[in-house]
N, C-alpha and C. Protein backbone atom coordinates (compact mmCIF):
# COMPACT_ATOMS: atom_id res chain seq x y z
N MET A 1 -16.74 -14.96 -23.08
CA MET A 1 -17.16 -13.77 -22.59
C MET A 1 -16.95 -14.28 -21.11
N ALA A 2 -16.53 -13.48 -20.13
CA ALA A 2 -16.66 -13.79 -18.64
C ALA A 2 -17.73 -13.60 -18.19
N LYS A 3 -17.97 -14.41 -17.07
CA LYS A 3 -19.04 -14.36 -16.73
C LYS A 3 -19.12 -13.46 -15.63
N ASP A 4 -20.08 -12.80 -15.22
CA ASP A 4 -20.31 -11.35 -14.60
C ASP A 4 -20.13 -11.55 -13.20
N HIS A 5 -19.37 -11.48 -12.46
CA HIS A 5 -19.16 -11.89 -10.69
C HIS A 5 -19.86 -10.76 -9.82
N GLY A 6 -20.86 -9.81 -10.47
CA GLY A 6 -21.22 -8.59 -9.55
C GLY A 6 -20.11 -7.44 -9.19
N THR A 7 -20.45 -6.64 -8.43
CA THR A 7 -19.44 -5.72 -7.99
C THR A 7 -18.43 -5.89 -7.38
N GLN A 8 -18.17 -6.92 -6.53
CA GLN A 8 -17.02 -7.13 -5.76
C GLN A 8 -16.07 -7.49 -7.11
N ILE A 9 -15.81 -7.89 -8.15
CA ILE A 9 -15.07 -8.34 -8.82
C ILE A 9 -15.17 -7.26 -9.96
N LYS A 10 -13.64 -6.43 -9.94
CA LYS A 10 -13.90 -5.34 -11.15
C LYS A 10 -13.38 -5.79 -12.43
N ASN A 11 -12.53 -7.00 -12.43
CA ASN A 11 -12.11 -7.38 -14.17
C ASN A 11 -12.61 -8.71 -14.05
N ASP A 12 -13.66 -8.87 -14.70
CA ASP A 12 -14.39 -10.37 -15.08
C ASP A 12 -13.18 -11.24 -15.87
N ASP A 13 -13.01 -10.52 -16.81
CA ASP A 13 -11.89 -11.55 -17.69
C ASP A 13 -11.07 -11.74 -16.94
N LEU A 14 -10.23 -10.85 -16.47
CA LEU A 14 -8.93 -11.41 -15.58
C LEU A 14 -8.97 -12.61 -14.64
N TYR A 15 -10.11 -12.26 -13.85
CA TYR A 15 -10.61 -13.01 -12.89
C TYR A 15 -10.69 -14.31 -13.37
N GLU A 16 -11.63 -14.64 -14.43
CA GLU A 16 -11.84 -15.82 -14.98
C GLU A 16 -10.25 -16.56 -15.73
N LYS A 17 -9.74 -15.82 -16.26
CA LYS A 17 -8.47 -16.38 -16.54
C LYS A 17 -7.47 -16.69 -15.58
N LEU A 18 -7.47 -16.20 -14.50
CA LEU A 18 -6.60 -16.45 -13.50
C LEU A 18 -7.12 -18.03 -12.70
N ARG A 19 -8.49 -17.95 -12.37
CA ARG A 19 -9.16 -18.90 -11.85
C ARG A 19 -8.94 -19.85 -12.81
N ASP A 20 -8.88 -20.02 -14.27
CA ASP A 20 -8.56 -21.08 -14.92
C ASP A 20 -7.29 -21.47 -14.85
N GLU A 21 -6.25 -20.58 -14.61
CA GLU A 21 -5.01 -21.31 -14.57
C GLU A 21 -4.52 -21.63 -13.01
N GLY A 22 -5.67 -21.77 -11.89
CA GLY A 22 -5.51 -22.31 -11.00
C GLY A 22 -5.10 -21.25 -9.87
N ALA A 23 -5.55 -20.10 -9.85
CA ALA A 23 -5.59 -19.35 -9.02
C ALA A 23 -6.61 -19.81 -7.78
N SER A 24 -6.44 -19.37 -6.97
CA SER A 24 -7.64 -19.19 -5.99
C SER A 24 -8.80 -18.26 -5.98
N LYS A 25 -9.83 -18.38 -5.37
CA LYS A 25 -10.72 -17.45 -5.82
C LYS A 25 -10.37 -16.00 -5.21
N GLU A 26 -9.75 -16.32 -3.60
CA GLU A 26 -9.34 -15.17 -3.23
C GLU A 26 -8.07 -14.07 -3.86
N LYS A 27 -7.09 -14.98 -4.27
CA LYS A 27 -6.28 -14.65 -5.07
C LYS A 27 -6.57 -13.88 -6.53
N ALA A 28 -7.33 -14.53 -7.05
CA ALA A 28 -7.82 -14.21 -8.48
C ALA A 28 -8.41 -12.87 -8.22
N ALA A 29 -9.28 -12.80 -7.18
CA ALA A 29 -10.37 -11.42 -7.01
C ALA A 29 -8.90 -10.53 -6.45
N ARG A 30 -8.30 -10.64 -6.03
CA ARG A 30 -7.36 -9.57 -5.32
C ARG A 30 -6.46 -9.08 -6.35
N ILE A 31 -6.17 -9.84 -7.28
CA ILE A 31 -5.20 -9.39 -8.61
C ILE A 31 -6.13 -8.80 -9.58
N ALA A 32 -7.34 -9.41 -10.23
CA ALA A 32 -8.46 -8.72 -11.06
C ALA A 32 -8.60 -7.29 -10.56
N ASN A 33 -8.78 -7.18 -8.86
CA ASN A 33 -9.44 -5.66 -8.70
C ASN A 33 -8.34 -4.56 -8.82
N ALA A 34 -7.04 -5.71 -8.03
CA ALA A 34 -6.06 -4.26 -8.26
C ALA A 34 -5.52 -3.79 -9.81
N GLN A 35 -5.71 -4.94 -10.42
CA GLN A 35 -5.41 -4.43 -12.13
C GLN A 35 -6.38 -3.51 -12.37
N ALA A 36 -7.79 -3.68 -12.11
CA ALA A 36 -8.58 -2.82 -12.61
C ALA A 36 -8.58 -1.17 -11.78
N ASN A 37 -7.97 -1.41 -10.61
CA ASN A 37 -7.58 -0.36 -9.82
C ASN A 37 -6.76 0.93 -10.08
N LYS A 38 -5.43 -0.01 -11.32
CA LYS A 38 -4.45 0.58 -11.25
C LYS A 38 -3.36 0.65 -10.20
N SER A 39 -3.57 -0.51 -9.12
CA SER A 39 -2.66 -0.55 -7.93
C SER A 39 -1.61 -1.72 -8.28
N LEU A 40 -1.81 -2.32 -9.30
CA LEU A 40 -0.94 -3.24 -9.48
C LEU A 40 -0.30 -3.03 -10.83
N ASP A 41 0.80 -3.08 -10.87
CA ASP A 41 1.60 -2.58 -12.28
C ASP A 41 2.21 -3.91 -12.42
N SER A 42 1.74 -4.46 -13.72
CA SER A 42 2.30 -5.54 -14.29
C SER A 42 3.65 -5.55 -14.71
N GLY A 43 4.19 -4.08 -14.68
CA GLY A 43 5.54 -3.91 -15.27
C GLY A 43 6.61 -3.81 -13.74
N GLY A 44 5.84 -3.81 -12.59
CA GLY A 44 6.51 -3.78 -11.47
C GLY A 44 7.16 -2.64 -10.55
N GLY A 45 6.45 -1.57 -11.10
CA GLY A 45 6.37 -0.18 -10.58
C GLY A 45 6.02 0.23 -9.49
N LYS A 46 4.80 -0.34 -9.54
CA LYS A 46 4.19 0.14 -7.95
C LYS A 46 4.63 -0.43 -6.63
N LEU A 47 5.01 -1.60 -6.70
CA LEU A 47 5.32 -2.26 -5.79
C LEU A 47 6.92 -1.86 -5.08
N GLU A 48 7.43 -1.43 -6.21
CA GLU A 48 8.84 -1.28 -5.90
C GLU A 48 8.87 0.06 -5.64
N GLN A 49 7.97 1.02 -5.55
CA GLN A 49 7.85 2.64 -4.78
C GLN A 49 7.55 2.34 -3.54
N ARG A 50 7.22 1.43 -3.18
CA ARG A 50 6.74 1.33 -1.91
C ARG A 50 7.90 1.03 -1.06
N SER A 51 7.73 1.54 0.48
CA SER A 51 8.49 1.27 1.64
C SER A 51 9.06 -0.13 1.75
N LYS A 52 9.88 -0.69 2.44
CA LYS A 52 10.10 -1.88 2.87
C LYS A 52 8.96 -2.04 4.17
N ALA A 53 8.92 -1.23 4.89
CA ALA A 53 7.87 -1.11 6.09
C ALA A 53 6.32 -1.52 5.33
N GLU A 54 5.74 -0.65 4.39
CA GLU A 54 4.89 -0.59 3.37
C GLU A 54 4.91 -2.09 3.09
N LEU A 55 5.23 -2.72 2.39
CA LEU A 55 5.72 -4.05 1.95
C LEU A 55 5.33 -5.09 3.03
N TYR A 56 6.45 -4.94 4.12
CA TYR A 56 5.94 -5.96 5.16
C TYR A 56 4.29 -5.85 5.81
N ASP A 57 3.99 -4.81 5.82
CA ASP A 57 2.50 -4.93 6.44
C ASP A 57 1.56 -5.15 5.31
N GLU A 58 1.76 -5.32 3.90
CA GLU A 58 1.10 -6.06 3.03
C GLU A 58 1.44 -7.32 3.08
N ALA A 59 2.26 -7.99 3.21
CA ALA A 59 2.69 -9.21 3.67
C ALA A 59 1.98 -9.49 4.64
N LYS A 60 2.29 -9.12 6.02
CA LYS A 60 1.43 -9.55 6.96
C LYS A 60 -0.17 -9.50 6.96
N GLU A 61 -0.30 -8.94 6.14
CA GLU A 61 -2.14 -8.81 6.07
C GLU A 61 -2.48 -9.89 5.05
N ILE A 62 -1.71 -9.99 3.93
CA ILE A 62 -2.06 -11.50 3.25
C ILE A 62 -1.37 -12.71 3.97
N GLY A 63 -0.97 -12.64 4.89
CA GLY A 63 -0.28 -13.69 5.59
C GLY A 63 1.03 -14.59 4.91
N ILE A 64 1.93 -13.74 4.42
CA ILE A 64 3.08 -14.22 3.58
C ILE A 64 4.11 -14.88 5.24
N GLU A 65 4.30 -15.86 4.82
CA GLU A 65 5.32 -16.46 6.29
C GLU A 65 6.59 -16.21 6.01
N GLY A 66 7.38 -15.85 7.06
CA GLY A 66 8.62 -15.49 6.62
C GLY A 66 9.29 -14.42 6.48
N ARG A 67 8.44 -13.19 6.36
CA ARG A 67 8.16 -11.97 5.96
C ARG A 67 9.40 -10.93 6.96
N SER A 68 9.69 -11.46 7.92
CA SER A 68 10.31 -10.48 8.88
C SER A 68 12.05 -10.93 8.53
N LYS A 69 11.92 -11.99 7.91
CA LYS A 69 13.50 -12.18 7.31
C LYS A 69 13.66 -11.53 5.82
N MET A 70 12.88 -11.46 5.44
CA MET A 70 12.68 -11.05 3.56
C MET A 70 13.27 -9.46 3.61
N ASP A 71 14.40 -9.33 2.73
CA ASP A 71 14.29 -8.01 2.36
C ASP A 71 13.27 -7.43 1.11
N LYS A 72 13.56 -6.02 0.85
CA LYS A 72 12.45 -5.39 0.10
C LYS A 72 12.41 -6.06 -1.08
N ASP A 73 13.13 -6.58 -1.87
CA ASP A 73 13.10 -7.28 -2.98
C ASP A 73 12.29 -8.73 -2.93
N ALA A 74 12.52 -9.51 -1.78
CA ALA A 74 12.20 -10.82 -1.37
C ALA A 74 10.68 -10.28 -0.91
N LEU A 75 10.04 -9.45 -0.39
CA LEU A 75 8.75 -9.16 -0.02
C LEU A 75 7.99 -8.73 -1.39
N VAL A 76 8.58 -7.97 -2.09
CA VAL A 76 7.87 -7.66 -3.54
C VAL A 76 7.80 -8.93 -4.48
N LYS A 77 8.65 -9.76 -4.16
CA LYS A 77 8.34 -10.97 -5.06
C LYS A 77 7.34 -12.09 -4.37
N ALA A 78 7.37 -11.87 -2.98
CA ALA A 78 6.48 -12.86 -2.27
C ALA A 78 5.05 -12.11 -2.28
N ILE A 79 4.86 -11.19 -2.35
CA ILE A 79 3.48 -10.62 -2.50
C ILE A 79 3.12 -10.56 -3.93
N ARG A 80 3.88 -10.59 -5.28
CA ARG A 80 3.51 -10.96 -6.39
C ARG A 80 3.23 -12.35 -6.48
N MET A 81 3.48 -13.11 -5.73
CA MET A 81 3.32 -14.53 -6.17
C MET A 81 2.15 -15.30 -5.22
N HIS A 82 1.87 -14.23 -4.00
CA HIS A 82 0.71 -14.62 -3.20
C HIS A 82 -0.12 -14.60 -3.96
């Protein structure tokens, strides 16, 4: 049973799994919350449906370096890997 992380973490089980796999607290929280809010599609649908400009803005917000030289596919991959 996963520890209850309060209201800031929407999917405690996924958060714990990601932390056990070595993800940072920030990354684990972001992924767990996105999965719970259904804004992260593990099959890849949601990010691919965004425009390159939207992906670029998200990459900028989370601090992905080299984003200005990336095409849409590279931005999707970088966001998923972050």
